[in-house]
């Protein structure tokens, strides 16, 4: 018999990041950019790319490409973007995340989403995977002045739920995202993906390198 879940006192909601946390668009995008660099005898360093994960404007991948590629940026970007979209359309959600959503609801906890991506991007993929109605509220780049690592997105999500930040648990894959959650006053569990696993997360932040294999119980256990 499965032991009953032990919900921490005061916890009312779980707020998920999207890219890399629910659907691993991060790895897909990096691999396509990496291939573009290799086509032009350049190397895209993962450590450089990681600076831009979970935020906007922190890293410009175009700057590392030859001038003739940058001069044809519009056409190159159109081809690259189409390739990225095609790949993401074929992807499934991160293993186990759907079960976690169901377990969160069954436990009487609320669900929200906070993402540095824009609303159109988020709703496109949530709709494709039948998740648009799973979350009570979406806090996106369109709704704030500053994205992660600023705490504004997480503070907005909590406010939309009429909850205090300390009543919310954030689930993140990136350093910028987890930094935002902590700055907002929330507990955070880091569930890294292939591209974010080597980021320098502080050791005191709970982390699950096996993803969602332990379900909601794993997320809650990581907090202790």
Protein backbone atom coordinates (compact mmCIF):
# COMPACT_ATOMS: atom_id res chain seq x y z
CA UNK A 1 0.00 0.00 0.00
CA UNK A 2 1.30 3.45 -0.92
CA UNK A 3 1.98 5.71 2.04
CA UNK A 4 -0.17 8.86 2.15
CA UNK A 5 1.47 12.03 0.96
CA UNK A 6 2.79 14.36 3.62
CA UNK A 7 1.97 17.89 2.46
CA UNK A 8 4.15 20.52 4.17
CA UNK A 9 2.21 22.82 6.46
CA UNK A 10 0.98 25.87 4.62
CA UNK A 11 1.68 24.60 1.10
CA UNK A 12 -1.27 25.48 -1.12
CA UNK A 13 0.02 25.51 -4.71
CA UNK A 14 2.71 24.30 -7.07
CA UNK A 15 3.92 26.71 -9.75
CA UNK A 16 5.72 25.20 -12.73
CA UNK A 17 8.09 26.75 -15.20
CA UNK A 18 7.35 25.64 -18.77
CA UNK A 19 10.31 25.43 -21.17
CA UNK A 20 12.64 22.65 -20.08
CA UNK A 21 10.50 21.82 -17.06
CA UNK A 22 7.26 20.58 -18.59
CA UNK A 23 8.29 20.29 -22.26
CA UNK A 24 12.02 20.15 -22.92
CA UNK A 25 12.22 22.78 -25.63
CA UNK A 26 15.57 23.86 -24.15
CA UNK A 27 17.54 20.82 -25.30
CA UNK A 28 15.89 20.88 -28.73
CA UNK A 29 16.69 24.52 -29.33
CA UNK A 30 20.29 24.22 -28.15
CA UNK A 31 20.96 21.20 -30.38
CA UNK A 32 19.64 23.03 -33.45
CA UNK A 33 21.77 26.10 -32.72
CA UNK A 34 24.76 23.86 -32.03
CA UNK A 35 24.31 22.24 -35.44
CA UNK A 36 24.12 25.67 -37.10
CA UNK A 37 27.41 26.66 -35.49
CA UNK A 38 29.06 23.46 -36.68
CA UNK A 39 27.91 24.11 -40.23
CA UNK A 40 30.08 27.20 -40.11
CA UNK A 41 33.05 25.66 -38.26
CA UNK A 42 32.17 27.34 -35.00
CA UNK A 43 31.50 25.86 -31.56
CA UNK A 44 28.58 26.90 -29.39
CA UNK A 45 29.69 26.55 -25.78
CA UNK A 46 27.00 25.11 -23.52
CA UNK A 47 28.14 27.32 -20.65
CA UNK A 48 27.51 30.42 -22.79
CA UNK A 49 24.11 29.16 -23.91
CA UNK A 50 23.10 28.42 -20.34
CA UNK A 51 23.26 32.11 -19.46
CA UNK A 52 20.20 32.71 -21.59
CA UNK A 53 18.10 29.78 -20.36
CA UNK A 54 14.97 30.86 -18.50
CA UNK A 55 15.37 34.54 -19.33
CA UNK A 56 15.69 36.98 -22.25
CA UNK A 57 18.58 39.03 -23.53
CA UNK A 58 21.35 37.45 -21.46
CA UNK A 59 23.05 35.71 -24.39
CA UNK A 60 23.00 36.48 -28.14
CA UNK A 61 23.86 33.35 -30.16
CA UNK A 62 24.07 35.33 -33.39
CA UNK A 63 27.17 37.14 -32.17
CA UNK A 64 29.26 33.96 -32.44
CA UNK A 65 28.40 33.27 -36.08
CA UNK A 66 30.38 34.49 -39.13
CA UNK A 67 29.50 37.89 -40.57
CA UNK A 68 28.07 36.45 -43.77
CA UNK A 69 25.61 34.37 -41.72
CA UNK A 70 24.60 37.40 -39.68
CA UNK A 71 24.13 39.37 -42.88
CA UNK A 72 21.58 36.77 -44.00
CA UNK A 73 20.02 36.55 -40.55
CA UNK A 74 16.40 36.77 -41.68
CA UNK A 75 16.62 33.74 -43.97
CA UNK A 76 18.86 31.75 -41.65
CA UNK A 77 16.55 32.40 -38.73
CA UNK A 78 13.46 31.40 -40.70
CA UNK A 79 15.00 28.04 -41.59
CA UNK A 80 16.35 27.47 -38.09
CA UNK A 81 13.07 28.43 -36.40
CA UNK A 82 11.08 26.12 -38.67
CA UNK A 83 13.43 23.26 -37.81
CA UNK A 84 13.07 23.93 -34.09
CA UNK A 85 9.27 24.08 -34.29
CA UNK A 86 9.09 20.88 -36.31
CA UNK A 87 11.18 19.06 -33.73
CA UNK A 88 9.19 20.39 -30.75
CA UNK A 89 5.93 19.39 -32.44
CA UNK A 90 7.15 15.79 -32.41
CA UNK A 91 8.17 15.86 -28.74
CA UNK A 92 6.31 14.46 -25.80
CA UNK A 93 6.19 16.07 -22.37
CA UNK A 94 8.91 15.25 -19.89
CA UNK A 95 8.36 11.72 -18.57
CA UNK A 96 6.12 11.57 -15.54
CA UNK A 97 5.05 15.21 -15.49
CA UNK A 98 1.43 14.42 -16.43
CA UNK A 99 1.20 12.02 -13.50
CA UNK A 100 2.58 14.71 -11.20
CA UNK A 101 -0.12 17.15 -12.33
CA UNK A 102 -2.79 14.59 -11.52
CA UNK A 103 -1.26 13.86 -8.14
CA UNK A 104 -1.08 17.56 -7.31
CA UNK A 105 -4.78 17.97 -8.06
CA UNK A 106 -5.66 14.82 -6.13
CA UNK A 107 -3.76 16.15 -3.12
CA UNK A 108 -5.90 19.27 -3.11
CA UNK A 109 -3.07 21.56 -4.22
CA UNK A 110 -3.48 24.22 -6.88
CA UNK A 111 -1.50 24.51 -10.11
CA UNK A 112 -0.10 27.58 -11.86
CA UNK A 113 2.55 28.37 -14.43
CA UNK A 114 5.22 31.09 -14.53
CA UNK A 115 7.33 31.43 -17.67
CA UNK A 116 9.69 33.96 -19.23
CA UNK A 117 8.29 32.95 -22.63
CA UNK A 118 5.40 34.84 -24.19
CA UNK A 119 1.80 33.75 -23.85
CA UNK A 120 1.39 32.72 -27.50
CA UNK A 121 4.32 30.29 -27.22
CA UNK A 122 3.03 28.81 -23.98
CA UNK A 123 -0.58 28.41 -25.07
CA UNK A 124 0.48 26.84 -28.37
CA UNK A 125 2.18 23.92 -26.68
CA UNK A 126 -0.24 23.63 -23.76
CA UNK A 127 -3.08 23.37 -26.27
CA UNK A 128 -1.23 20.74 -28.31
CA UNK A 129 -0.77 18.59 -25.21
CA UNK A 130 -4.24 19.19 -23.77
CA UNK A 131 -2.95 21.13 -20.77
CA UNK A 132 -4.43 24.58 -21.24
CA UNK A 133 -7.11 24.02 -18.58
CA UNK A 134 -4.79 22.33 -16.08
CA UNK A 135 -3.41 25.60 -14.71
CA UNK A 136 -5.46 28.15 -12.82
CA UNK A 137 -3.30 30.99 -14.03
CA UNK A 138 -0.47 31.63 -16.48
CA UNK A 139 2.11 34.32 -15.72
CA UNK A 140 4.12 35.03 -18.89
CA UNK A 141 6.59 37.52 -20.34
CA UNK A 142 3.64 39.53 -21.67
CA UNK A 143 2.43 40.21 -18.14
CA UNK A 144 5.53 41.65 -16.45
CA UNK A 145 8.21 44.29 -16.87
CA UNK A 146 11.06 41.96 -15.89
CA UNK A 147 11.42 38.24 -16.50
CA UNK A 148 13.44 35.69 -14.55
CA UNK A 149 15.81 35.83 -12.66
CA UNK A 150 13.70 38.75 -11.37
CA UNK A 151 10.98 37.40 -9.03
CA UNK A 152 8.16 39.35 -10.73
CA UNK A 153 6.70 36.38 -12.62
CA UNK A 154 6.47 34.22 -9.51
CA UNK A 155 5.07 37.05 -7.42
CA UNK A 156 2.41 37.62 -10.09
CA UNK A 157 1.46 33.94 -10.19
CA UNK A 158 1.07 33.85 -6.40
CA UNK A 159 -0.95 37.07 -6.45
CA UNK A 160 -3.25 35.64 -9.14
CA UNK A 161 -3.88 32.67 -6.85
CA UNK A 162 -4.49 34.99 -3.88
CA UNK A 163 -1.68 33.25 -2.06
CA UNK A 164 1.48 34.35 -0.32
CA UNK A 165 4.77 33.28 -1.96
CA UNK A 166 5.62 31.08 1.01
CA UNK A 167 2.46 29.07 0.33
CA UNK A 168 3.79 28.08 -3.09
CA UNK A 169 6.34 25.55 -4.32
CA UNK A 170 8.14 26.35 -7.58
CA UNK A 171 9.38 23.64 -9.94
CA UNK A 172 12.21 24.77 -12.20
CA UNK A 173 14.89 23.45 -14.56
CA UNK A 174 17.21 26.45 -14.82
CA UNK A 175 19.39 28.63 -12.63
CA UNK A 176 17.65 31.82 -13.76
CA UNK A 177 14.25 30.33 -13.02
CA UNK A 178 15.12 28.88 -9.64
CA UNK A 179 16.81 32.14 -8.67
CA UNK A 180 13.57 33.98 -9.46
CA UNK A 181 11.51 31.60 -7.32
CA UNK A 182 13.85 31.89 -4.34
CA UNK A 183 13.93 35.68 -4.68
CA UNK A 184 10.12 35.65 -4.61
CA UNK A 185 10.21 33.86 -1.26
CA UNK A 186 9.13 30.45 -2.51
CA UNK A 187 10.51 27.01 -1.92
CA UNK A 188 11.93 25.53 -5.12
CA UNK A 189 12.73 22.08 -6.41
CA UNK A 190 15.10 21.94 -9.37
CA UNK A 191 14.34 19.25 -11.96
CA UNK A 192 17.13 19.82 -14.49
CA UNK A 193 17.21 18.55 -18.04
CA UNK A 194 20.14 17.56 -20.25
CA UNK A 195 21.07 21.17 -21.01
CA UNK A 196 20.66 22.65 -17.52
CA UNK A 197 22.07 19.80 -15.43
CA UNK A 198 25.57 21.33 -15.30
CA UNK A 199 24.46 24.78 -14.19
CA UNK A 200 25.90 25.90 -10.82
CA UNK A 201 22.83 25.44 -8.64
CA UNK A 202 23.53 26.14 -4.95
CA UNK A 203 23.80 22.80 -3.11
CA UNK A 204 21.12 23.82 -0.61
CA UNK A 205 18.46 23.96 -3.33
CA UNK A 206 16.56 20.65 -3.51
CA UNK A 207 17.26 18.87 -6.79
CA UNK A 208 15.88 15.80 -8.55
CA UNK A 209 18.23 14.47 -11.21
CA UNK A 210 15.93 11.55 -11.98
CA UNK A 211 13.16 13.87 -13.15
CA UNK A 212 9.58 13.09 -12.15
CA UNK A 213 10.08 9.37 -11.64
CA UNK A 214 9.06 9.64 -7.97
CA UNK A 215 5.97 11.73 -8.72
CA UNK A 216 4.68 14.38 -6.35
CA UNK A 217 6.06 12.38 -3.43
CA UNK A 218 9.55 12.92 -4.84
CA UNK A 219 9.05 16.67 -5.11
CA UNK A 220 7.79 16.90 -1.54
CA UNK A 221 10.47 14.58 -0.18
CA UNK A 222 13.13 16.77 -1.77
CA UNK A 223 11.97 19.66 0.40
CA UNK A 224 12.87 17.87 3.61
